[in-house]
Amino acid sequence: MTLFEKLKAATEAAQAEQDLPDFLAARILRIIENQASFHDRDTAIEDLLDKVTNYDTYGQTGYLGMGVNNTILANTLSRLEDGTCR
């Protein structure tokens, strides 16, 4: 399974199990659909995969402040989309 296939599976799971918002899922799926533009950003894609896997709609709000919420995921996507992370 490729990195992009893992990202797609993680995104689908986060949508089904963690209420990942459609607007974030659409941004992730756009990256997957345009793999050729992101082929040289494996480290950034792995980081995104980790964040999607650990996504929690209410992340960063509990006692331990663990999880990845909308803001953290959106910031990661923005850095990947604008090319500031590799």
C-alpha atoms as a PDB file:
ATOM      1  CA  MET A   1       0.000   0.000   0.000  1.00  0.00           C
ATOM      2  CA  THR A   2       1.445   3.369  -1.016  1.00  0.00           C
ATOM      3  CA  LEU A   3       1.656   6.371   1.261  1.00  0.00           C
ATOM      4  CA  PHE A   4      -1.202   8.041  -0.623  1.00  0.00           C
ATOM      5  CA  GLU A   5      -3.352   4.903  -0.350  1.00  0.00           C
ATOM      6  CA  LYS A   6      -2.737   4.859   3.406  1.00  0.00           C
ATOM      7  CA  LEU A   7      -3.664   8.552   3.576  1.00  0.00           C
ATOM      8  CA  LYS A   8      -6.907   7.885   1.685  1.00  0.00           C
ATOM      9  CA  ALA A   9      -7.817   4.989   4.006  1.00  0.00           C
ATOM     10  CA  ALA A  10      -7.018   7.075   7.094  1.00  0.00           C
ATOM     11  CA  THR A  11      -9.103   9.967   5.760  1.00  0.00           C
ATOM     12  CA  GLU A  12     -12.086   7.708   5.109  1.00  0.00           C
ATOM     13  CA  ALA A  13     -11.756   6.204   8.596  1.00  0.00           C
ATOM     14  CA  ALA A  14     -11.513   9.653  10.219  1.00  0.00           C
ATOM     15  CA  GLN A  15     -14.652  10.740   8.366  1.00  0.00           C
ATOM     16  CA  ALA A  16     -16.571   7.649   9.435  1.00  0.00           C
ATOM     17  CA  GLU A  17     -15.294   7.328  12.995  1.00  0.00           C
ATOM     18  CA  GLN A  18     -14.118  10.773  14.134  1.00  0.00           C
ATOM     19  CA  ASP A  19     -16.413  13.158  12.249  1.00  0.00           C
ATOM     20  CA  LEU A  20     -13.621  14.631  10.137  1.00  0.00           C
ATOM     21  CA  PRO A  21     -15.295  17.641   8.483  1.00  0.00           C
ATOM     22  CA  ASP A  22     -15.962  17.378   4.765  1.00  0.00           C
ATOM     23  CA  PHE A  23     -14.040  20.590   4.015  1.00  0.00           C
ATOM     24  CA  LEU A  24     -10.853  19.103   5.505  1.00  0.00           C
ATOM     25  CA  ALA A  25     -11.421  15.733   3.853  1.00  0.00           C
ATOM     26  CA  ALA A  26     -11.850  17.489   0.491  1.00  0.00           C
ATOM     27  CA  ARG A  27      -8.472  19.217   0.899  1.00  0.00           C
ATOM     28  CA  ILE A  28      -6.795  15.908   1.751  1.00  0.00           C
ATOM     29  CA  LEU A  29      -8.454  14.134  -1.179  1.00  0.00           C
ATOM     30  CA  ARG A  30      -7.303  16.933  -3.500  1.00  0.00           C
ATOM     31  CA  ILE A  31      -3.721  16.213  -2.419  1.00  0.00           C
ATOM     32  CA  ILE A  32      -4.252  12.501  -3.058  1.00  0.00           C
ATOM     33  CA  GLU A  33      -5.736  13.203  -6.492  1.00  0.00           C
ATOM     34  CA  ASN A  34      -2.727  15.387  -7.350  1.00  0.00           C
ATOM     35  CA  GLN A  35      -0.014  13.016  -6.095  1.00  0.00           C
ATOM     36  CA  ALA A  36       2.356  14.016  -8.865  1.00  0.00           C
ATOM     37  CA  SER A  37       2.539  17.514  -7.404  1.00  0.00           C
ATOM     38  CA  PHE A  38       3.378  16.133  -3.953  1.00  0.00           C
ATOM     39  CA  HIS A  39       5.604  13.149  -4.842  1.00  0.00           C
ATOM     40  CA  ASP A  40       8.715  14.861  -3.426  1.00  0.00           C
ATOM     41  CA  ARG A  41       7.124  15.606  -0.040  1.00  0.00           C
ATOM     42  CA  ASP A  42       7.117  12.179   1.580  1.00  0.00           C
ATOM     43  CA  THR A  43       8.023  13.499   5.026  1.00  0.00           C
ATOM     44  CA  ALA A  44       5.196  16.036   4.918  1.00  0.00           C
ATOM     45  CA  ILE A  45       2.726  13.420   3.633  1.00  0.00           C
ATOM     46  CA  GLU A  46       3.792  11.046   6.435  1.00  0.00           C
ATOM     47  CA  ASP A  47       3.208  13.871   8.940  1.00  0.00           C
ATOM     48  CA  LEU A  48      -0.235  14.488   7.433  1.00  0.00           C
ATOM     49  CA  LEU A  49      -1.009  10.764   7.598  1.00  0.00           C
ATOM     50  CA  ASP A  50      -0.043  10.726  11.279  1.00  0.00           C
ATOM     51  CA  LYS A  51      -2.255  13.723  11.991  1.00  0.00           C
ATOM     52  CA  VAL A  52      -5.224  12.276  10.104  1.00  0.00           C
ATOM     53  CA  THR A  53      -4.776   8.955  11.921  1.00  0.00           C
ATOM     54  CA  ASN A  54      -4.780  10.789  15.275  1.00  0.00           C
ATOM     55  CA  TYR A  55      -7.570  13.186  14.338  1.00  0.00           C
ATOM     56  CA  ASP A  56     -10.106  13.838  17.072  1.00  0.00           C
ATOM     57  CA  THR A  57     -12.858  16.397  16.579  1.00  0.00           C
ATOM     58  CA  TYR A  58     -12.437  17.397  20.204  1.00  0.00           C
ATOM     59  CA  GLY A  59      -8.649  17.007  20.298  1.00  0.00           C
ATOM     60  CA  GLN A  60      -6.615  19.357  22.465  1.00  0.00           C
ATOM     61  CA  THR A  61      -9.628  19.985  24.705  1.00  0.00           C
ATOM     62  CA  GLY A  62      -9.306  17.318  27.370  1.00  0.00           C
ATOM     63  CA  TYR A  63      -7.198  17.024  30.492  1.00  0.00           C
ATOM     64  CA  LEU A  64      -4.163  15.736  28.622  1.00  0.00           C
ATOM     65  CA  GLY A  65      -4.735  17.922  25.564  1.00  0.00           C
ATOM     66  CA  MET A  66      -3.943  15.058  23.228  1.00  0.00           C
ATOM     67  CA  GLY A  67      -5.173  14.530  19.725  1.00  0.00           C
ATOM     68  CA  VAL A  68      -5.268  16.482  16.506  1.00  0.00           C
ATOM     69  CA  ASN A  69      -8.138  18.901  16.022  1.00  0.00           C
ATOM     70  CA  ASN A  70      -9.433  20.924  13.052  1.00  0.00           C
ATOM     71  CA  THR A  71      -6.981  23.780  13.551  1.00  0.00           C
ATOM     72  CA  ILE A  72      -3.890  21.587  13.748  1.00  0.00           C
ATOM     73  CA  LEU A  73      -4.944  19.587  10.705  1.00  0.00           C
ATOM     74  CA  ALA A  74      -5.862  22.709   8.702  1.00  0.00           C
ATOM     75  CA  ASN A  75      -2.475  24.294   9.494  1.00  0.00           C
ATOM     76  CA  THR A  76      -0.659  21.148   8.369  1.00  0.00           C
ATOM     77  CA  LEU A  77      -2.658  21.110   5.137  1.00  0.00           C
ATOM     78  CA  SER A  78      -1.920  24.787   4.493  1.00  0.00           C
ATOM     79  CA  ARG A  79       1.836  24.268   4.878  1.00  0.00           C
ATOM     80  CA  LEU A  80       1.711  21.273   2.544  1.00  0.00           C
ATOM     81  CA  GLU A  81      -0.440  23.040  -0.045  1.00  0.00           C
ATOM     82  CA  ASP A  82       1.698  26.173  -0.152  1.00  0.00           C
ATOM     83  CA  GLY A  83       4.922  24.181  -0.267  1.00  0.00           C
ATOM     84  CA  THR A  84       6.432  25.404   2.997  1.00  0.00           C
ATOM     85  CA  CYS A  85       6.894  21.876   4.308  1.00  0.00           C
ATOM     86  CA  ARG A  86       8.578  19.004   2.551  1.00  0.00           C
END
